[in-house]
Amino acid sequence: MMRSLFSGISGIKSHQTRMDVIGNNVSNINTVGFKSSRVTFSDMLSQTTYGSSRPTTTTGGTNPRQIGLGEAVASIDMIMGDGSAQATGKNTDVALSGAGFMVLKQGDNVFYTRDGAFEFDADGNYVLPGSGYHVQGWNAIDGTLSTTGVTENIVVKAGKTMPATQSTNLVYAGNLDAGALTITGITYTGPVTLPATIPLLPMTKL
């Protein structure tokens, strides 16, 4: 009788752990970047009252007689799948798709998060406002961004501008309608002396 009670209690205790995890998931339903968890269970112990036997010339093999002594929590796993992306109306917020974390720093301490509710402070530092940790990344130098160097605090001073530069190249591409009429020549009758006909190359489709 006592053995059955202890087995039942082990199940209740493990189920309490599962309910605790579910309650934590529900309480964090609006937490930015939160990842839910799940609980898996395993058989804890078994008491063997009679061993197994192999087949003989007169009888077949038999299985052991075992009495389970309850169950236990095997693991609590975090589910790292993507959540649904939502518009926040704040252009400093970011989100990650797929695996990976954003890097934050406080002095020499490094932290990793998927909470992208960032903003700029009074000094232009890109930070996580709840903690003040600095978001790490690469700052552009003279308009050039290199992603091979060491990351540093992202800083964009308020009112900072970039000098305008003149465009040097322009590339235009497009398609011409292959069914359009082809111009084969132009006849000009104005006062300027020109050849009667100016030949043109046929227009082709790009």
C-alpha atoms as a PDB file:
ATOM      1  CA  MET A   1       0.000   0.000   0.000  1.00  0.00           C
ATOM      2  CA  MET A   2       2.780   2.435   0.896  1.00  0.00           C
ATOM      3  CA  ARG A   3       4.582   1.707  -2.351  1.00  0.00           C
ATOM      4  CA  SER A   4       1.525   2.689  -4.411  1.00  0.00           C
ATOM      5  CA  LEU A   5       1.114   5.905  -2.413  1.00  0.00           C
ATOM      6  CA  PHE A   6       4.725   6.940  -2.955  1.00  0.00           C
ATOM      7  CA  SER A   7       4.419   6.197  -6.688  1.00  0.00           C
ATOM      8  CA  GLY A   8       1.302   8.323  -6.924  1.00  0.00           C
ATOM      9  CA  ILE A   9       2.950  11.163  -4.988  1.00  0.00           C
ATOM     10  CA  SER A  10       5.922  11.167  -7.394  1.00  0.00           C
ATOM     11  CA  GLY A  11       3.504  11.670 -10.280  1.00  0.00           C
ATOM     12  CA  ILE A  12       1.747  14.523  -8.467  1.00  0.00           C
ATOM     13  CA  LYS A  13       5.075  16.248  -7.734  1.00  0.00           C
ATOM     14  CA  SER A  14       6.203  15.939 -11.353  1.00  0.00           C
ATOM     15  CA  HIS A  15       2.846  17.201 -12.580  1.00  0.00           C
ATOM     16  CA  GLN A  16       3.211  20.171 -10.218  1.00  0.00           C
ATOM     17  CA  THR A  17       6.506  20.986 -11.945  1.00  0.00           C
ATOM     18  CA  ARG A  18       4.754  20.831 -15.320  1.00  0.00           C
ATOM     19  CA  MET A  19       2.014  23.164 -14.082  1.00  0.00           C
ATOM     20  CA  ASP A  20       4.683  25.570 -12.778  1.00  0.00           C
ATOM     21  CA  VAL A  21       6.306  25.687 -16.228  1.00  0.00           C
ATOM     22  CA  ILE A  22       2.940  26.188 -17.954  1.00  0.00           C
ATOM     23  CA  GLY A  23       2.095  28.970 -15.503  1.00  0.00           C
ATOM     24  CA  ASN A  24       5.395  30.667 -16.271  1.00  0.00           C
ATOM     25  CA  ASN A  25       4.668  30.410 -20.012  1.00  0.00           C
ATOM     26  CA  VAL A  26       1.238  31.990 -19.530  1.00  0.00           C
ATOM     27  CA  SER A  27       2.547  34.791 -17.317  1.00  0.00           C
ATOM     28  CA  ASN A  28       5.138  35.739 -19.965  1.00  0.00           C
ATOM     29  CA  ILE A  29       2.723  35.734 -22.896  1.00  0.00           C
ATOM     30  CA  ASN A  30       3.398  39.470 -23.481  1.00  0.00           C
ATOM     31  CA  THR A  31       7.109  39.414 -22.620  1.00  0.00           C
ATOM     32  CA  VAL A  32       9.176  40.557 -25.609  1.00  0.00           C
ATOM     33  CA  GLY A  33      11.545  37.836 -26.832  1.00  0.00           C
ATOM     34  CA  PHE A  34      10.314  35.241 -24.302  1.00  0.00           C
ATOM     35  CA  LYS A  35      10.705  31.580 -25.271  1.00  0.00           C
ATOM     36  CA  SER A  36       8.296  29.063 -23.772  1.00  0.00           C
ATOM     37  CA  SER A  37       9.387  25.781 -22.198  1.00  0.00           C
ATOM     38  CA  ARG A  38       8.004  22.268 -21.973  1.00  0.00           C
ATOM     39  CA  VAL A  39       8.423  19.426 -19.474  1.00  0.00           C
ATOM     40  CA  THR A  40       9.196  15.814 -20.370  1.00  0.00           C
ATOM     41  CA  PHE A  41       8.843  12.896 -17.964  1.00  0.00           C
ATOM     42  CA  SER A  42      10.617   9.579 -17.503  1.00  0.00           C
ATOM     43  CA  ASP A  43      10.072   6.360 -15.567  1.00  0.00           C
ATOM     44  CA  MET A  44      11.984   6.697 -12.301  1.00  0.00           C
ATOM     45  CA  LEU A  45      12.560   3.181 -10.896  1.00  0.00           C
ATOM     46  CA  SER A  46      11.233  -0.325 -11.269  1.00  0.00           C
ATOM     47  CA  GLN A  47      11.343  -3.134  -8.728  1.00  0.00           C
ATOM     48  CA  THR A  48      11.962  -6.580 -10.165  1.00  0.00           C
ATOM     49  CA  THR A  49      10.096  -9.286  -8.250  1.00  0.00           C
ATOM     50  CA  TYR A  50      10.857 -12.138 -10.638  1.00  0.00           C
ATOM     51  CA  GLY A  51      13.625 -12.361 -13.215  1.00  0.00           C
ATOM     52  CA  SER A  52      13.337 -13.253 -16.861  1.00  0.00           C
ATOM     53  CA  SER A  53      14.188 -16.660 -18.280  1.00  0.00           C
ATOM     54  CA  ARG A  54      15.337 -17.883 -21.634  1.00  0.00           C
ATOM     55  CA  PRO A  55      13.596 -20.542 -23.694  1.00  0.00           C
ATOM     56  CA  THR A  56      14.288 -24.182 -22.937  1.00  0.00           C
ATOM     57  CA  THR A  57      13.511 -27.397 -24.757  1.00  0.00           C
ATOM     58  CA  THR A  58      10.171 -27.650 -22.980  1.00  0.00           C
ATOM     59  CA  THR A  59       9.105 -24.021 -22.313  1.00  0.00           C
ATOM     60  CA  GLY A  60       9.435 -20.634 -23.906  1.00  0.00           C
ATOM     61  CA  GLY A  61      11.149 -17.578 -22.469  1.00  0.00           C
ATOM     62  CA  THR A  62       9.452 -15.398 -19.877  1.00  0.00           C
ATOM     63  CA  ASN A  63       9.614 -11.681 -19.199  1.00  0.00           C
ATOM     64  CA  PRO A  64      10.630 -10.283 -15.801  1.00  0.00           C
ATOM     65  CA  ARG A  65       8.006  -9.101 -13.354  1.00  0.00           C
ATOM     66  CA  GLN A  66       8.619  -5.455 -12.586  1.00  0.00           C
ATOM     67  CA  ILE A  67       6.652  -2.947 -10.553  1.00  0.00           C
ATOM     68  CA  GLY A  68       7.122   0.714 -11.424  1.00  0.00           C
ATOM     69  CA  LEU A  69       7.966   2.966  -8.516  1.00  0.00           C
ATOM     70  CA  GLY A  70       6.856   6.274  -9.954  1.00  0.00           C
ATOM     71  CA  GLU A  71       8.095   8.830 -12.432  1.00  0.00           C
ATOM     72  CA  ALA A  72      10.310  11.898 -12.464  1.00  0.00           C
ATOM     73  CA  VAL A  73      10.922  15.017 -14.521  1.00  0.00           C
ATOM     74  CA  ALA A  74      13.348  14.107 -17.305  1.00  0.00           C
ATOM     75  CA  SER A  75      13.973  17.611 -18.706  1.00  0.00           C
ATOM     76  CA  ILE A  76      12.622  21.118 -19.064  1.00  0.00           C
ATOM     77  CA  ASP A  77      13.290  22.172 -22.654  1.00  0.00           C
ATOM     78  CA  MET A  78      13.163  25.694 -24.019  1.00  0.00           C
ATOM     79  CA  ILE A  79      11.418  25.998 -27.400  1.00  0.00           C
ATOM     80  CA  MET A  80      13.525  28.343 -29.530  1.00  0.00           C
ATOM     81  CA  GLY A  81      11.248  28.632 -32.576  1.00  0.00           C
ATOM     82  CA  ASP A  82      10.433  32.026 -34.116  1.00  0.00           C
ATOM     83  CA  GLY A  83       7.462  33.921 -32.807  1.00  0.00           C
ATOM     84  CA  SER A  84       5.147  35.891 -35.070  1.00  0.00           C
ATOM     85  CA  ALA A  85       6.602  39.226 -36.150  1.00  0.00           C
ATOM     86  CA  GLN A  86       4.440  42.198 -35.229  1.00  0.00           C
ATOM     87  CA  ALA A  87       4.583  45.882 -36.070  1.00  0.00           C
ATOM     88  CA  THR A  88       5.363  47.966 -32.970  1.00  0.00           C
ATOM     89  CA  GLY A  89       5.197  51.445 -34.481  1.00  0.00           C
ATOM     90  CA  LYS A  90       8.695  52.223 -33.173  1.00  0.00           C
ATOM     91  CA  ASN A  91      11.483  52.326 -35.751  1.00  0.00           C
ATOM     92  CA  THR A  92      14.222  51.424 -33.230  1.00  0.00           C
ATOM     93  CA  ASP A  93      12.697  48.007 -32.480  1.00  0.00           C
ATOM     94  CA  VAL A  94      14.240  45.010 -34.236  1.00  0.00           C
ATOM     95  CA  ALA A  95      13.434  41.291 -34.498  1.00  0.00           C
ATOM     96  CA  LEU A  96      15.433  38.187 -35.334  1.00  0.00           C
ATOM     97  CA  SER A  97      14.329  35.490 -37.760  1.00  0.00           C
ATOM     98  CA  GLY A  98      15.951  32.098 -37.350  1.00  0.00           C
ATOM     99  CA  ALA A  99      18.717  31.124 -34.961  1.00  0.00           C
ATOM    100  CA  GLY A 100      20.900  33.692 -33.262  1.00  0.00           C
ATOM    101  CA  PHE A 101      21.000  36.343 -30.565  1.00  0.00           C
ATOM    102  CA  MET A 102      21.672  40.038 -30.280  1.00  0.00           C
ATOM    103  CA  VAL A 103      24.732  40.953 -28.224  1.00  0.00           C
ATOM    104  CA  LEU A 104      24.561  43.370 -25.291  1.00  0.00           C
ATOM    105  CA  LYS A 105      27.344  44.629 -23.087  1.00  0.00           C
ATOM    106  CA  GLN A 106      27.688  46.132 -19.625  1.00  0.00           C
ATOM    107  CA  GLY A 107      31.329  46.969 -19.072  1.00  0.00           C
ATOM    108  CA  ASP A 108      33.182  43.700 -19.633  1.00  0.00           C
ATOM    109  CA  ASN A 109      30.043  41.579 -19.160  1.00  0.00           C
ATOM    110  CA  VAL A 110      28.460  40.194 -22.344  1.00  0.00           C
ATOM    111  CA  PHE A 111      24.792  39.204 -22.583  1.00  0.00           C
ATOM    112  CA  TYR A 112      22.729  37.605 -25.347  1.00  0.00           C
ATOM    113  CA  THR A 113      19.064  38.283 -25.989  1.00  0.00           C
ATOM    114  CA  ARG A 114      16.300  38.029 -28.545  1.00  0.00           C
ATOM    115  CA  ASP A 115      14.497  41.020 -27.028  1.00  0.00           C
ATOM    116  CA  GLY A 116      14.784  43.706 -29.693  1.00  0.00           C
ATOM    117  CA  ALA A 117      12.888  46.506 -27.913  1.00  0.00           C
ATOM    118  CA  PHE A 118      15.833  48.925 -28.211  1.00  0.00           C
ATOM    119  CA  GLU A 119      16.021  52.709 -28.232  1.00  0.00           C
ATOM    120  CA  PHE A 120      18.562  55.548 -28.191  1.00  0.00           C
ATOM    121  CA  ASP A 121      19.439  57.275 -24.929  1.00  0.00           C
ATOM    122  CA  ALA A 122      20.283  60.965 -24.427  1.00  0.00           C
ATOM    123  CA  ASP A 123      23.896  60.424 -25.586  1.00  0.00           C
ATOM    124  CA  GLY A 124      22.907  58.552 -28.751  1.00  0.00           C
ATOM    125  CA  ASN A 125      23.749  55.082 -27.383  1.00  0.00           C
ATOM    126  CA  TYR A 126      21.622  52.240 -28.739  1.00  0.00           C
ATOM    127  CA  VAL A 127      20.518  50.432 -25.580  1.00  0.00           C
ATOM    128  CA  LEU A 128      18.019  48.012 -24.057  1.00  0.00           C
ATOM    129  CA  PRO A 129      15.994  50.513 -22.000  1.00  0.00           C
ATOM    130  CA  GLY A 130      15.017  48.087 -19.249  1.00  0.00           C
ATOM    131  CA  SER A 131      18.638  47.478 -18.248  1.00  0.00           C
ATOM    132  CA  GLY A 132      20.671  50.174 -20.015  1.00  0.00           C
ATOM    133  CA  TYR A 133      22.923  47.544 -21.620  1.00  0.00           C
ATOM    134  CA  HIS A 134      24.648  48.716 -24.809  1.00  0.00           C
ATOM    135  CA  VAL A 135      23.725  46.982 -28.073  1.00  0.00           C
ATOM    136  CA  GLN A 136      26.818  45.741 -29.905  1.00  0.00           C
ATOM    137  CA  GLY A 137      27.474  46.093 -33.618  1.00  0.00           C
ATOM    138  CA  TRP A 138      29.639  47.834 -36.197  1.00  0.00           C
ATOM    139  CA  ASN A 139      29.736  51.616 -36.642  1.00  0.00           C
ATOM    140  CA  ALA A 140      30.276  53.029 -40.126  1.00  0.00           C
ATOM    141  CA  ILE A 141      33.498  55.029 -40.665  1.00  0.00           C
ATOM    142  CA  ASP A 142      33.272  57.733 -43.356  1.00  0.00           C
ATOM    143  CA  GLY A 143      30.134  56.077 -44.686  1.00  0.00           C
ATOM    144  CA  THR A 144      31.730  52.619 -44.956  1.00  0.00           C
ATOM    145  CA  LEU A 145      30.476  49.753 -42.792  1.00  0.00           C
ATOM    146  CA  SER A 146      32.883  46.877 -42.153  1.00  0.00           C
ATOM    147  CA  THR A 147      31.479  43.704 -40.555  1.00  0.00           C
ATOM    148  CA  THR A 148      34.854  42.010 -40.077  1.00  0.00           C
ATOM    149  CA  GLY A 149      36.163  44.047 -37.155  1.00  0.00           C
ATOM    150  CA  VAL A 150      35.479  43.897 -33.431  1.00  0.00           C
ATOM    151  CA  THR A 151      31.963  44.880 -32.365  1.00  0.00           C
ATOM    152  CA  GLU A 152      31.445  47.984 -30.246  1.00  0.00           C
ATOM    153  CA  ASN A 153      28.668  50.086 -28.783  1.00  0.00           C
ATOM    154  CA  ILE A 154      26.320  51.371 -31.476  1.00  0.00           C
ATOM    155  CA  VAL A 155      26.202  55.163 -31.178  1.00  0.00           C
ATOM    156  CA  VAL A 156      24.214  57.574 -33.357  1.00  0.00           C
ATOM    157  CA  LYS A 157      24.314  61.113 -32.007  1.00  0.00           C
ATOM    158  CA  ALA A 158      21.089  63.098 -32.187  1.00  0.00           C
ATOM    159  CA  GLY A 159      21.094  65.502 -35.145  1.00  0.00           C
ATOM    160  CA  LYS A 160      24.098  63.833 -36.751  1.00  0.00           C
ATOM    161  CA  THR A 161      24.208  64.375 -40.515  1.00  0.00           C
ATOM    162  CA  MET A 162      26.217  63.080 -43.453  1.00  0.00           C
ATOM    163  CA  PRO A 163      27.540  65.400 -46.163  1.00  0.00           C
ATOM    164  CA  ALA A 164      25.860  65.060 -49.541  1.00  0.00           C
ATOM    165  CA  THR A 165      27.925  63.538 -52.349  1.00  0.00           C
ATOM    166  CA  GLN A 166      27.467  63.891 -56.071  1.00  0.00           C
ATOM    167  CA  SER A 167      26.334  60.836 -58.001  1.00  0.00           C
ATOM    168  CA  THR A 168      29.001  59.577 -60.381  1.00  0.00           C
ATOM    169  CA  ASN A 169      27.300  56.659 -62.133  1.00  0.00           C
ATOM    170  CA  LEU A 170      23.785  55.941 -63.256  1.00  0.00           C
ATOM    171  CA  VAL A 171      22.665  52.565 -64.518  1.00  0.00           C
ATOM    172  CA  TYR A 172      19.333  52.230 -66.299  1.00  0.00           C
ATOM    173  CA  ALA A 173      17.956  48.923 -67.492  1.00  0.00           C
ATOM    174  CA  GLY A 174      14.671  47.965 -69.062  1.00  0.00           C
ATOM    175  CA  ASN A 175      12.921  45.873 -71.712  1.00  0.00           C
ATOM    176  CA  LEU A 176      11.496  47.018 -75.030  1.00  0.00           C
ATOM    177  CA  ASP A 177       8.290  45.610 -76.426  1.00  0.00           C
ATOM    178  CA  ALA A 178       9.259  43.107 -79.109  1.00  0.00           C
ATOM    179  CA  GLY A 179       5.868  43.578 -80.790  1.00  0.00           C
ATOM    180  CA  ALA A 180       6.259  47.356 -81.239  1.00  0.00           C
ATOM    181  CA  LEU A 181       6.807  48.822 -84.748  1.00  0.00           C
ATOM    182  CA  THR A 182      10.429  49.174 -85.820  1.00  0.00           C
ATOM    183  CA  ILE A 183      11.623  52.580 -87.075  1.00  0.00           C
ATOM    184  CA  THR A 184      13.697  52.073 -90.186  1.00  0.00           C
ATOM    185  CA  GLY A 185      14.334  55.704 -91.165  1.00  0.00           C
ATOM    186  CA  ILE A 186      13.486  59.396 -90.707  1.00  0.00           C
ATOM    187  CA  THR A 187      12.761  61.898 -93.502  1.00  0.00           C
ATOM    188  CA  TYR A 188      13.513  65.549 -92.719  1.00  0.00           C
ATOM    189  CA  THR A 189      12.354  68.460 -94.919  1.00  0.00           C
ATOM    190  CA  GLY A 190      13.368  71.456 -92.775  1.00  0.00           C
ATOM    191  CA  PRO A 191      15.489  74.438 -93.842  1.00  0.00           C
ATOM    192  CA  VAL A 192      18.751  72.852 -92.728  1.00  0.00           C
ATOM    193  CA  THR A 193      20.420  70.820 -95.429  1.00  0.00           C
ATOM    194  CA  LEU A 194      20.393  67.219 -94.382  1.00  0.00           C
ATOM    195  CA  PRO A 195      20.471  63.921 -96.195  1.00  0.00           C
ATOM    196  CA  ALA A 196      17.074  62.953 -97.483  1.00  0.00           C
ATOM    197  CA  THR A 197      17.052  59.816 -95.390  1.00  0.00           C
ATOM    198  CA  ILE A 198      18.873  59.031 -92.172  1.00  0.00           C
ATOM    199  CA  PRO A 199      19.231  55.270 -91.786  1.00  0.00           C
ATOM    200  CA  LEU A 200      18.745  53.841 -88.312  1.00  0.00           C
ATOM    201  CA  LEU A 201      19.631  50.480 -86.914  1.00  0.00           C
ATOM    202  CA  PRO A 202      16.666  48.257 -86.108  1.00  0.00           C
ATOM    203  CA  MET A 203      15.642  48.386 -82.455  1.00  0.00           C
ATOM    204  CA  THR A 204      16.057  45.100 -80.648  1.00  0.00           C
ATOM    205  CA  LYS A 205      14.778  43.792 -77.381  1.00  0.00           C
ATOM    206  CA  LEU A 206      17.264  44.011 -74.485  1.00  0.00           C
END
